[in-house]
Amino acid sequence: MNGDAAARTAGQVAGKAGRSRLDLEPDTVERDLIKLVLTVVELLRQLMERQAVRRFDTGDLSEDQEERIGLTLMLLDDRMAELRDRYGLRPEDLNLDLGPLGPLLPRE
C-alpha cells in the first residue's frame, strides 16, 4: 500500500460513524506490539499460575516440581516487569477492554 492509499484508508476509518481518527503513529508501533505480546504472555502466565496452584493443592507434584514451577513463575514475573519498565508500561496497561465482556484479565 503506497502512502496515498494509506492516507485514504486512514481518512475513511476516521470518517465512519463519527468515530475519532484512527491513531496510526509509526513511533508507537513497537510499543503497541510489545503491549499486545505482553498481554498475551500475561494471560498465559496467570493461567499457568492458577493451574500450578490447583496442582499444589491436590498434591500432584513432588517437592522438586513445586520448586521448579515456583521459580519459573517468579522468573517470568521478573522478566515481564523488566519488559514493562523498558517500554513504559504499567501492569494495568496489559489488560484489554473487551467492551461489554469486560476486561480480558481478571483484576487482582
PDB file of N, CA and C in Angstrom:
ATOM      1  N   MET A   1       0.858  -1.171   0.000  1.00  0.00           N
ATOM      2  CA  MET A   1       0.000   0.000   0.000  1.00  0.00           C
ATOM      3  C   MET A   1       0.899   1.228   0.000  1.00  0.00           C
ATOM      4  N   ASN A   2       0.685   2.135  -0.967  1.00  0.00           N
ATOM      5  CA  ASN A   2       1.511   3.332  -1.012  1.00  0.00           C
ATOM      6  C   ASN A   2       1.005   4.357  -0.010  1.00  0.00           C
ATOM      7  N   GLY A   3       1.715   5.479   0.111  1.00  0.00           N
ATOM      8  CA  GLY A   3       1.370   6.491   1.102  1.00  0.00           C
ATOM      9  C   GLY A   3       0.006   7.100   0.882  1.00  0.00           C
ATOM     10  N   ASP A   4      -0.354   7.362  -0.399  1.00  0.00           N
ATOM     11  CA  ASP A   4      -1.662   7.947  -0.697  1.00  0.00           C
ATOM     12  C   ASP A   4      -2.791   6.999  -0.305  1.00  0.00           C
ATOM     13  N   ALA A   5      -2.620   5.716  -0.644  1.00  0.00           N
ATOM     14  CA  ALA A   5      -3.654   4.729  -0.308  1.00  0.00           C
ATOM     15  C   ALA A   5      -3.798   4.602   1.203  1.00  0.00           C
ATOM     16  N   ALA A   6      -2.679   4.616   1.916  1.00  0.00           N
ATOM     17  CA  ALA A   6      -2.720   4.526   3.374  1.00  0.00           C
ATOM     18  C   ALA A   6      -3.439   5.734   3.963  1.00  0.00           C
ATOM     19  N   ALA A   7      -3.171   6.912   3.421  1.00  0.00           N
ATOM     20  CA  ALA A   7      -3.817   8.129   3.915  1.00  0.00           C
ATOM     21  C   ALA A   7      -5.321   8.079   3.656  1.00  0.00           C
ATOM     22  N   ARG A   8      -5.717   7.600   2.465  1.00  0.00           N
ATOM     23  CA  ARG A   8      -7.147   7.484   2.155  1.00  0.00           C
ATOM     24  C   ARG A   8      -7.823   6.498   3.099  1.00  0.00           C
ATOM     25  N   THR A   9      -7.169   5.343   3.332  1.00  0.00           N
ATOM     26  CA  THR A   9      -7.734   4.338   4.230  1.00  0.00           C
ATOM     27  C   THR A   9      -7.891   4.905   5.633  1.00  0.00           C
ATOM     28  N   ALA A  10      -6.875   5.593   6.125  1.00  0.00           N
ATOM     29  CA  ALA A  10      -6.953   6.200   7.456  1.00  0.00           C
ATOM     30  C   ALA A  10      -8.062   7.236   7.503  1.00  0.00           C
ATOM     31  N   GLY A  11      -8.216   8.017   6.446  1.00  0.00           N
ATOM     32  CA  GLY A  11      -9.278   9.014   6.382  1.00  0.00           C
ATOM     33  C   GLY A  11     -10.645   8.376   6.378  1.00  0.00           C
ATOM     34  N   GLN A  12     -10.793   7.254   5.666  1.00  0.00           N
ATOM     35  CA  GLN A  12     -12.071   6.555   5.625  1.00  0.00           C
ATOM     36  C   GLN A  12     -12.425   6.012   7.000  1.00  0.00           C
ATOM     37  N   VAL A  13     -11.437   5.439   7.659  1.00  0.00           N
ATOM     38  CA  VAL A  13     -11.681   4.911   9.010  1.00  0.00           C
ATOM     39  C   VAL A  13     -12.085   6.048   9.936  1.00  0.00           C
ATOM     40  N   ALA A  14     -11.414   7.200   9.810  1.00  0.00           N
ATOM     41  CA  ALA A  14     -11.704   8.333  10.683  1.00  0.00           C
ATOM     42  C   ALA A  14     -13.102   8.880  10.450  1.00  0.00           C
ATOM     43  N   GLY A  15     -13.590   8.815   9.223  1.00  0.00           N
ATOM     44  CA  GLY A  15     -14.873   9.404   8.914  1.00  0.00           C
ATOM     45  C   GLY A  15     -16.068   8.528   9.222  1.00  0.00           C
ATOM     46  N   LYS A  16     -15.887   7.261   9.440  1.00  0.00           N
ATOM     47  CA  LYS A  16     -17.009   6.338   9.659  1.00  0.00           C
ATOM     48  C   LYS A  16     -17.655   6.559  11.010  1.00  0.00           C
ATOM     49  N   ALA A  17     -18.990   6.674  10.972  1.00  0.00           N
ATOM     50  CA  ALA A  17     -19.835   6.705  12.177  1.00  0.00           C
ATOM     51  C   ALA A  17     -19.381   7.724  13.214  1.00  0.00           C
ATOM     52  N   GLY A  18     -18.743   8.808  12.765  1.00  0.00           N
ATOM     53  CA  GLY A  18     -18.345   9.861  13.690  1.00  0.00           C
ATOM     54  C   GLY A  18     -17.290   9.433  14.686  1.00  0.00           C
ATOM     55  N   ARG A  19     -16.612   8.332  14.388  1.00  0.00           N
ATOM     56  CA  ARG A  19     -15.566   7.858  15.302  1.00  0.00           C
ATOM     57  C   ARG A  19     -14.388   8.812  15.290  1.00  0.00           C
ATOM     58  N   SER A  20     -13.618   8.772  16.339  1.00  0.00           N
ATOM     59  CA  SER A  20     -12.419   9.591  16.369  1.00  0.00           C
ATOM     60  C   SER A  20     -11.402   9.010  15.396  1.00  0.00           C
ATOM     61  N   ARG A  21     -10.490   9.824  14.992  1.00  0.00           N
ATOM     62  CA  ARG A  21      -9.499   9.451  13.994  1.00  0.00           C
ATOM     63  C   ARG A  21      -8.638   8.302  14.504  1.00  0.00           C
ATOM     64  N   LEU A  22      -8.384   7.341  13.641  1.00  0.00           N
ATOM     65  CA  LEU A  22      -7.531   6.212  13.980  1.00  0.00           C
ATOM     66  C   LEU A  22      -6.108   6.716  14.127  1.00  0.00           C
ATOM     67  N   ASP A  23      -5.483   6.449  15.231  1.00  0.00           N
ATOM     68  CA  ASP A  23      -4.136   6.942  15.505  1.00  0.00           C
ATOM     69  C   ASP A  23      -3.124   5.921  15.027  1.00  0.00           C
ATOM     70  N   LEU A  24      -2.515   6.210  13.890  1.00  0.00           N
ATOM     71  CA  LEU A  24      -1.503   5.322  13.325  1.00  0.00           C
ATOM     72  C   LEU A  24      -0.153   6.022  13.365  1.00  0.00           C
ATOM     73  N   GLU A  25       0.470   6.000  14.493  1.00  0.00           N
ATOM     74  CA  GLU A  25       1.744   6.675  14.672  1.00  0.00           C
ATOM     75  C   GLU A  25       2.899   5.687  14.543  1.00  0.00           C
ATOM     76  N   PRO A  26       3.791   5.897  13.588  1.00  0.00           N
ATOM     77  CA  PRO A  26       4.934   4.993  13.429  1.00  0.00           C
ATOM     78  C   PRO A  26       5.803   4.908  14.685  1.00  0.00           C
ATOM     79  N   ASP A  27       5.825   5.974  15.462  1.00  0.00           N
ATOM     80  CA  ASP A  27       6.664   5.992  16.664  1.00  0.00           C
ATOM     81  C   ASP A  27       6.158   5.061  17.751  1.00  0.00           C
ATOM     82  N   THR A  28       4.875   4.696  17.711  1.00  0.00           N
ATOM     83  CA  THR A  28       4.325   3.865  18.774  1.00  0.00           C
ATOM     84  C   THR A  28       4.095   2.412  18.351  1.00  0.00           C
ATOM     85  N   VAL A  29       4.431   2.086  17.124  1.00  0.00           N
ATOM     86  CA  VAL A  29       4.170   0.726  16.634  1.00  0.00           C
ATOM     87  C   VAL A  29       4.873  -0.319  17.490  1.00  0.00           C
ATOM     88  N   GLU A  30       6.149  -0.102  17.778  1.00  0.00           N
ATOM     89  CA  GLU A  30       6.901  -1.077  18.567  1.00  0.00           C
ATOM     90  C   GLU A  30       6.297  -1.234  19.961  1.00  0.00           C
ATOM     91  N   ARG A  31       5.977  -0.116  20.607  1.00  0.00           N
ATOM     92  CA  ARG A  31       5.411  -0.162  21.961  1.00  0.00           C
ATOM     93  C   ARG A  31       4.049  -0.854  21.945  1.00  0.00           C
ATOM     94  N   ASP A  32       3.230  -0.550  20.930  1.00  0.00           N
ATOM     95  CA  ASP A  32       1.912  -1.172  20.838  1.00  0.00           C
ATOM     96  C   ASP A  32       2.012  -2.673  20.600  1.00  0.00           C
ATOM     97  N   LEU A  33       2.971  -3.085  19.776  1.00  0.00           N
ATOM     98  CA  LEU A  33       3.176  -4.511  19.525  1.00  0.00           C
ATOM     99  C   LEU A  33       3.651  -5.215  20.792  1.00  0.00           C
ATOM    100  N   ILE A  34       4.582  -4.596  21.501  1.00  0.00           N
ATOM    101  CA  ILE A  34       5.065  -5.166  22.768  1.00  0.00           C
ATOM    102  C   ILE A  34       3.912  -5.264  23.761  1.00  0.00           C
ATOM    103  N   LYS A  35       3.052  -4.253  23.796  1.00  0.00           N
ATOM    104  CA  LYS A  35       1.904  -4.265  24.710  1.00  0.00           C
ATOM    105  C   LYS A  35       0.993  -5.451  24.404  1.00  0.00           C
ATOM    106  N   LEU A  36       0.731  -5.693  23.131  1.00  0.00           N
ATOM    107  CA  LEU A  36      -0.118  -6.821  22.743  1.00  0.00           C
ATOM    108  C   LEU A  36       0.532  -8.152  23.110  1.00  0.00           C
ATOM    109  N   VAL A  37       1.812  -8.302  22.802  1.00  0.00           N
ATOM    110  CA  VAL A  37       2.523  -9.551  23.108  1.00  0.00           C
ATOM    111  C   VAL A  37       2.577  -9.787  24.614  1.00  0.00           C
ATOM    112  N   LEU A  38       2.889  -8.750  25.366  1.00  0.00           N
ATOM    113  CA  LEU A  38       2.957  -8.900  26.819  1.00  0.00           C
ATOM    114  C   LEU A  38       1.586  -9.201  27.421  1.00  0.00           C
ATOM    115  N   THR A  39       0.531  -8.684  26.820  1.00  0.00           N
ATOM    116  CA  THR A  39      -0.817  -9.002  27.291  1.00  0.00           C
ATOM    117  C   THR A  39      -1.105 -10.487  27.132  1.00  0.00           C
ATOM    118  N   VAL A  40      -0.746 -11.037  25.980  1.00  0.00           N
ATOM    119  CA  VAL A  40      -0.957 -12.472  25.746  1.00  0.00           C
ATOM    120  C   VAL A  40      -0.099 -13.291  26.703  1.00  0.00           C
ATOM    121  N   VAL A  41       1.152 -12.891  26.889  1.00  0.00           N
ATOM    122  CA  VAL A  41       2.036 -13.616  27.813  1.00  0.00           C
ATOM    123  C   VAL A  41       1.496 -13.529  29.237  1.00  0.00           C
ATOM    124  N   GLU A  42       0.985 -12.362  29.630  1.00  0.00           N
ATOM    125  CA  GLU A  42       0.431 -12.218  30.980  1.00  0.00           C
ATOM    126  C   GLU A  42      -0.791 -13.107  31.167  1.00  0.00           C
ATOM    127  N   LEU A  43      -1.632 -13.191  30.160  1.00  0.00           N
ATOM    128  CA  LEU A  43      -2.791 -14.082  30.236  1.00  0.00           C
ATOM    129  C   LEU A  43      -2.333 -15.526  30.435  1.00  0.00           C
ATOM    130  N   LEU A  44      -1.363 -15.966  29.658  1.00  0.00           N
ATOM    131  CA  LEU A  44      -0.841 -17.332  29.791  1.00  0.00           C
ATOM    132  C   LEU A  44      -0.169 -17.544  31.141  1.00  0.00           C
ATOM    133  N   ARG A  45       0.561 -16.535  31.631  1.00  0.00           N
ATOM    134  CA  ARG A  45       1.223 -16.644  32.937  1.00  0.00           C
ATOM    135  C   ARG A  45       0.197 -16.843  34.044  1.00  0.00           C
ATOM    136  N   GLN A  46      -0.901 -16.067  33.989  1.00  0.00           N
ATOM    137  CA  GLN A  46      -1.933 -16.200  35.007  1.00  0.00           C
ATOM    138  C   GLN A  46      -2.613 -17.571  34.939  1.00  0.00           C
ATOM    139  N   LEU A  47      -2.846 -18.065  33.735  1.00  0.00           N
ATOM    140  CA  LEU A  47      -3.442 -19.399  33.592  1.00  0.00           C
ATOM    141  C   LEU A  47      -2.508 -20.480  34.136  1.00  0.00           C
ATOM    142  N   MET A  48      -1.213 -20.363  33.827  1.00  0.00           N
ATOM    143  CA  MET A  48      -0.232 -21.336  34.334  1.00  0.00           C
ATOM    144  C   MET A  48      -0.157 -21.282  35.860  1.00  0.00           C
ATOM    145  N   GLU A  49      -0.217 -20.083  36.409  1.00  0.00           N
ATOM    146  CA  GLU A  49      -0.155 -19.925  37.856  1.00  0.00           C
ATOM    147  C   GLU A  49      -1.363 -20.575  38.532  1.00  0.00           C
ATOM    148  N   ARG A  50      -2.542 -20.370  37.973  1.00  0.00           N
ATOM    149  CA  ARG A  50      -3.749 -20.991  38.548  1.00  0.00           C
ATOM    150  C   ARG A  50      -3.673 -22.513  38.478  1.00  0.00           C
ATOM    151  N   GLN A  51      -3.194 -23.035  37.343  1.00  0.00           N
ATOM    152  CA  GLN A  51      -3.056 -24.483  37.193  1.00  0.00           C
ATOM    153  C   GLN A  51      -2.051 -25.025  38.201  1.00  0.00           C
ATOM    154  N   ALA A  52      -0.945 -24.297  38.397  1.00  0.00           N
ATOM    155  CA  ALA A  52       0.062 -24.727  39.366  1.00  0.00           C
ATOM    156  C   ALA A  52      -0.527 -24.761  40.775  1.00  0.00           C
ATOM    157  N   VAL A  53      -1.295 -23.743  41.138  1.00  0.00           N
ATOM    158  CA  VAL A  53      -1.911 -23.700  42.474  1.00  0.00           C
ATOM    159  C   VAL A  53      -2.854 -24.887  42.653  1.00  0.00           C
ATOM    160  N   ARG A  54      -3.639 -25.190  41.623  1.00  0.00           N
ATOM    161  CA  ARG A  54      -4.535 -26.358  41.715  1.00  0.00           C
ATOM    162  C   ARG A  54      -3.737 -27.642  41.920  1.00  0.00           C
ATOM    163  N   ARG A  55      -2.643 -27.766  41.185  1.00  0.00           N
ATOM    164  CA  ARG A  55      -1.821 -28.980  41.320  1.00  0.00           C
ATOM    165  C   ARG A  55      -1.130 -29.032  42.684  1.00  0.00           C
ATOM    166  N   PHE A  56      -0.721 -27.856  43.212  1.00  0.00           N
ATOM    167  CA  PHE A  56      -0.139 -27.818  44.558  1.00  0.00           C
ATOM    168  C   PHE A  56      -1.169 -28.301  45.563  1.00  0.00           C
ATOM    169  N   ASP A  57      -2.396 -27.776  45.436  1.00  0.00           N
ATOM    170  CA  ASP A  57      -3.466 -28.095  46.391  1.00  0.00           C
ATOM    171  C   ASP A  57      -3.863 -29.569  46.362  1.00  0.00           C
ATOM    172  N   THR A  58      -3.803 -30.195  45.196  1.00  0.00           N
ATOM    173  CA  THR A  58      -4.196 -31.607  45.096  1.00  0.00           C
ATOM    174  C   THR A  58      -3.040 -32.555  45.400  1.00  0.00           C
ATOM    175  N   GLY A  59      -1.836 -32.034  45.555  1.00  0.00           N
ATOM    176  CA  GLY A  59      -0.690 -32.871  45.874  1.00  0.00           C
ATOM    177  C   GLY A  59      -0.166 -33.666  44.689  1.00  0.00           C
ATOM    178  N   ASP A  60      -0.431 -33.199  43.473  1.00  0.00           N
ATOM    179  CA  ASP A  60       0.015 -33.900  42.264  1.00  0.00           C
ATOM    180  C   ASP A  60       1.502 -33.727  41.970  1.00  0.00           C
ATOM    181  N   LEU A  61       2.159 -32.841  42.676  1.00  0.00           N
ATOM    182  CA  LEU A  61       3.545 -32.509  42.351  1.00  0.00           C
ATOM    183  C   LEU A  61       4.495 -32.925  43.461  1.00  0.00           C
ATOM    184  N   SER A  62       5.686 -33.296  43.043  1.00  0.00           N
ATOM    185  CA  SER A  62       6.736 -33.574  44.025  1.00  0.00           C
ATOM    186  C   SER A  62       7.291 -32.232  44.520  1.00  0.00           C
ATOM    187  N   GLU A  63       8.058 -32.272  45.606  1.00  0.00           N
ATOM    188  CA  GLU A  63       8.665 -31.035  46.118  1.00  0.00           C
ATOM    189  C   GLU A  63       9.558 -30.394  45.072  1.00  0.00           C
ATOM    190  N   ASP A  64      10.302 -31.201  44.337  1.00  0.00           N
ATOM    191  CA  ASP A  64      11.189 -30.683  43.298  1.00  0.00           C
ATOM    192  C   ASP A  64      10.384 -29.991  42.193  1.00  0.00           C
ATOM    193  N   GLN A  65       9.275 -30.593  41.785  1.00  0.00           N
ATOM    194  CA  GLN A  65       8.435 -29.982  40.750  1.00  0.00           C
ATOM    195  C   GLN A  65       7.825 -28.670  41.248  1.00  0.00           C
ATOM    196  N   GLU A  66       7.384 -28.665  42.499  1.00  0.00           N
ATOM    197  CA  GLU A  66       6.825 -27.439  43.069  1.00  0.00           C
ATOM    198  C   GLU A  66       7.869 -26.326  43.071  1.00  0.00           C
ATOM    199  N   GLU A  67       9.085 -26.684  43.453  1.00  0.00           N
ATOM    200  CA  GLU A  67      10.176 -25.708  43.498  1.00  0.00           C
ATOM    201  C   GLU A  67      10.470 -25.155  42.103  1.00  0.00           C
ATOM    202  N   ARG A  68      10.559 -26.032  41.116  1.00  0.00           N
ATOM    203  CA  ARG A  68      10.861 -25.587  39.740  1.00  0.00           C
ATOM    204  C   ARG A  68       9.741 -24.718  39.176  1.00  0.00           C
ATOM    205  N   ILE A  69       8.496 -25.090  39.408  1.00  0.00           N
ATOM    206  CA  ILE A  69       7.368 -24.296  38.899  1.00  0.00           C
ATOM    207  C   ILE A  69       7.349 -22.926  39.571  1.00  0.00           C
ATOM    208  N   GLY A  70       7.532 -22.906  40.870  1.00  0.00           N
ATOM    209  CA  GLY A  70       7.555 -21.637  41.598  1.00  0.00           C
ATOM    210  C   GLY A  70       8.661 -20.726  41.107  1.00  0.00           C
ATOM    211  N   LEU A  71       9.863 -21.279  40.928  1.00  0.00           N
ATOM    212  CA  LEU A  71      10.993 -20.490  40.442  1.00  0.00           C
ATOM    213  C   LEU A  71      10.732 -19.977  39.027  1.00  0.00           C
ATOM    214  N   THR A  72      10.191 -20.824  38.171  1.00  0.00           N
ATOM    215  CA  THR A  72       9.898 -20.432  36.794  1.00  0.00           C
ATOM    216  C   THR A  72       8.884 -19.292  36.751  1.00  0.00           C
ATOM    217  N   LEU A  73       7.830 -19.397  37.555  1.00  0.00           N
ATOM    218  CA  LEU A  73       6.818 -18.346  37.585  1.00  0.00           C
ATOM    219  C   LEU A  73       7.383 -17.039  38.135  1.00  0.00           C
ATOM    220  N   MET A  74       8.254 -17.122  39.131  1.00  0.00           N
ATOM    221  CA  MET A  74       8.887 -15.914  39.668  1.00  0.00           C
ATOM    222  C   MET A  74       9.791 -15.264  38.628  1.00  0.00           C
ATOM    223  N   LEU A  75      10.579 -16.074  37.916  1.00  0.00           N
ATOM    224  CA  LEU A  75      11.456 -15.528  36.878  1.00  0.00           C
ATOM    225  C   LEU A  75      10.650 -14.897  35.746  1.00  0.00           C
ATOM    226  N   LEU A  76       9.560 -15.532  35.361  1.00  0.00           N
ATOM    227  CA  LEU A  76       8.700 -14.979  34.317  1.00  0.00           C
ATOM    228  C   LEU A  76       8.107 -13.643  34.767  1.00  0.00           C
ATOM    229  N   ASP A  77       7.673 -13.566  36.004  1.00  0.00           N
ATOM    230  CA  ASP A  77       7.120 -12.321  36.533  1.00  0.00           C
ATOM    231  C   ASP A  77       8.181 -11.215  36.534  1.00  0.00           C
ATOM    232  N   ASP A  78       9.411 -11.553  36.933  1.00  0.00           N
ATOM    233  CA  ASP A  78      10.509 -10.577  36.929  1.00  0.00           C
ATOM    234  C   ASP A  78      10.811 -10.089  35.511  1.00  0.00           C
ATOM    235  N   ARG A  79      10.853 -11.002  34.573  1.00  0.00           N
ATOM    236  CA  ARG A  79      11.148 -10.636  33.178  1.00  0.00           C
ATOM    237  C   ARG A  79      10.042  -9.764  32.599  1.00  0.00           C
ATOM    238  N   MET A  80       8.789 -10.085  32.934  1.00  0.00           N
ATOM    239  CA  MET A  80       7.666  -9.258  32.488  1.00  0.00           C
ATOM    240  C   MET A  80       7.798  -7.841  33.047  1.00  0.00           C
ATOM    241  N   ALA A  81       8.179  -7.723  34.309  1.00  0.00           N
ATOM    242  CA  ALA A  81       8.351  -6.404  34.925  1.00  0.00           C
ATOM    243  C   ALA A  81       9.460  -5.624  34.212  1.00  0.00           C
ATOM    244  N   GLU A  82      10.551  -6.294  33.875  1.00  0.00           N
ATOM    245  CA  GLU A  82      11.645  -5.637  33.144  1.00  0.00           C
ATOM    246  C   GLU A  82      11.171  -5.112  31.789  1.00  0.00           C
ATOM    247  N   LEU A  83      10.419  -5.938  31.065  1.00  0.00           N
ATOM    248  CA  LEU A  83       9.930  -5.517  29.750  1.00  0.00           C
ATOM    249  C   LEU A  83       8.911  -4.386  29.855  1.00  0.00           C
ATOM    250  N   ARG A  84       8.038  -4.451  30.868  1.00  0.00           N
ATOM    251  CA  ARG A  84       7.088  -3.351  31.067  1.00  0.00           C
ATOM    252  C   ARG A  84       7.837  -2.058  31.342  1.00  0.00           C
ATOM    253  N   ASP A  85       8.855  -2.130  32.204  1.00  0.00           N
ATOM    254  CA  ASP A  85       9.641  -0.931  32.530  1.00  0.00           C
ATOM    255  C   ASP A  85      10.346  -0.389  31.288  1.00  0.00           C
ATOM    256  N   ARG A  86      10.907  -1.263  30.492  1.00  0.00           N
ATOM    257  CA  ARG A  86      11.641  -0.846  29.289  1.00  0.00           C
ATOM    258  C   ARG A  86      10.745  -0.074  28.327  1.00  0.00           C
ATOM    259  N   TYR A  87       9.486  -0.470  28.241  1.00  0.00           N
ATOM    260  CA  TYR A  87       8.563   0.167  27.300  1.00  0.00           C
ATOM    261  C   TYR A  87       7.575   1.122  27.972  1.00  0.00           C
ATOM    262  N   GLY A  88       7.806   1.425  29.236  1.00  0.00           N
ATOM    263  CA  GLY A  88       6.973   2.395  29.937  1.00  0.00           C
ATOM    264  C   GLY A  88       5.540   1.942  30.130  1.00  0.00           C
ATOM    265  N   LEU A  89       5.350   0.660  30.405  1.00  0.00           N
ATOM    266  CA  LEU A  89       4.013   0.109  30.598  1.00  0.00           C
ATOM    267  C   LEU A  89       3.793  -0.242  32.061  1.00  0.00           C
ATOM    268  N   ARG A  90       2.566  -0.071  32.498  1.00  0.00           N
ATOM    269  CA  ARG A  90       2.177  -0.484  33.847  1.00  0.00           C
ATOM    270  C   ARG A  90       1.427  -1.802  33.740  1.00  0.00           C
ATOM    271  N   PRO A  91       1.339  -2.579  34.811  1.00  0.00           N
ATOM    272  CA  PRO A  91       0.599  -3.848  34.739  1.00  0.00           C
ATOM    273  C   PRO A  91      -0.829  -3.672  34.224  1.00  0.00           C
ATOM    274  N   GLU A  92      -1.491  -2.597  34.636  1.00  0.00           N
ATOM    275  CA  GLU A  92      -2.873  -2.389  34.191  1.00  0.00           C
ATOM    276  C   GLU A  92      -2.974  -2.044  32.701  1.00  0.00           C
ATOM    277  N   ASP A  93      -1.859  -1.625  32.077  1.00  0.00           N
ATOM    278  CA  ASP A  93      -1.848  -1.359  30.637  1.00  0.00           C
ATOM    279  C   ASP A  93      -1.995  -2.640  29.820  1.00  0.00           C
ATOM    280  N   LEU A  94      -1.743  -3.780  30.446  1.00  0.00           N
ATOM    281  CA  LEU A  94      -1.784  -5.054  29.734  1.00  0.00           C
ATOM    282  C   LEU A  94      -3.162  -5.710  29.788  1.00  0.00           C
ATOM    283  N   ASN A  95      -4.150  -4.987  30.252  1.00  0.00           N
ATOM    284  CA  ASN A  95      -5.484  -5.552  30.361  1.00  0.00           C
ATOM    285  C   ASN A  95      -6.375  -4.923  29.296  1.00  0.00           C
ATOM    286  N   LEU A  96      -6.680  -5.684  28.250  1.00  0.00           N
ATOM    287  CA  LEU A  96      -7.509  -5.179  27.165  1.00  0.00           C
ATOM    288  C   LEU A  96      -8.962  -5.078  27.603  1.00  0.00           C
ATOM    289  N   ASP A  97      -9.611  -3.984  27.213  1.00  0.00           N
ATOM    290  CA  ASP A  97     -11.028  -3.804  27.483  1.00  0.00           C
ATOM    291  C   ASP A  97     -11.808  -4.448  26.350  1.00  0.00           C
ATOM    292  N   LEU A  98     -12.597  -5.457  26.659  1.00  0.00           N
ATOM    293  CA  LEU A  98     -13.374  -6.176  25.653  1.00  0.00           C
ATOM    294  C   LEU A  98     -14.802  -5.666  25.558  1.00  0.00           C
ATOM    295  N   GLY A  99     -14.990  -4.411  25.915  1.00  0.00           N
ATOM    296  CA  GLY A  99     -16.316  -3.799  25.822  1.00  0.00           C
ATOM    297  C   GLY A  99     -17.304  -4.436  26.773  1.00  0.00           C
ATOM    298  N   PRO A 100     -18.441  -4.916  26.229  1.00  0.00           N
ATOM    299  CA  PRO A 100     -19.474  -5.476  27.099  1.00  0.00           C
ATOM    300  C   PRO A 100     -19.030  -6.742  27.842  1.00  0.00           C
ATOM    301  N   LEU A 101     -17.965  -7.387  27.350  1.00  0.00           N
ATOM    302  CA  LEU A 101     -17.478  -8.592  28.020  1.00  0.00           C
ATOM    303  C   LEU A 101     -16.615  -8.266  29.234  1.00  0.00           C
ATOM    304  N   GLY A 102     -16.184  -7.014  29.318  1.00  0.00           N
ATOM    305  CA  GLY A 102     -15.336  -6.606  30.427  1.00  0.00           C
ATOM    306  C   GLY A 102     -13.865  -6.759  30.095  1.00  0.00           C
ATOM    307  N   PRO A 103     -13.003  -6.684  31.091  1.00  0.00           N
ATOM    308  CA  PRO A 103     -11.563  -6.759  30.844  1.00  0.00           C
ATOM    309  C   PRO A 103     -11.125  -8.199  30.511  1.00  0.00           C
ATOM    310  N   LEU A 104     -10.059  -8.307  29.725  1.00  0.00           N
ATOM    311  CA  LEU A 104      -9.512  -9.614  29.363  1.00  0.00           C
ATOM    312  C   LEU A 104      -8.981 -10.357  30.581  1.00  0.00           C
ATOM    313  N   LEU A 105      -8.199  -9.640  31.392  1.00  0.00           N
ATOM    314  CA  LEU A 105      -7.573 -10.256  32.549  1.00  0.00           C
ATOM    315  C   LEU A 105      -8.357  -9.915  33.812  1.00  0.00           C
ATOM    316  N   PRO A 106      -8.464 -10.871  34.719  1.00  0.00           N
ATOM    317  CA  PRO A 106      -9.137 -10.554  35.981  1.00  0.00           C
ATOM    318  C   PRO A 106      -8.335  -9.526  36.757  1.00  0.00           C
ATOM    319  N   ARG A 107      -9.030  -8.667  37.433  1.00  0.00           N
ATOM    320  CA  ARG A 107      -8.330  -7.653  38.251  1.00  0.00           C
ATOM    321  C   ARG A 107      -7.938  -8.299  39.559  1.00  0.00           C
ATOM    322  N   GLU A 108      -6.660  -8.165  39.880  1.00  0.00           N
ATOM    323  CA  GLU A 108      -6.152  -8.830  41.096  1.00  0.00           C
ATOM    324  C   GLU A 108      -6.136  -7.892  42.256  1.00  0.00           C
TER     325      GLU A 108
END
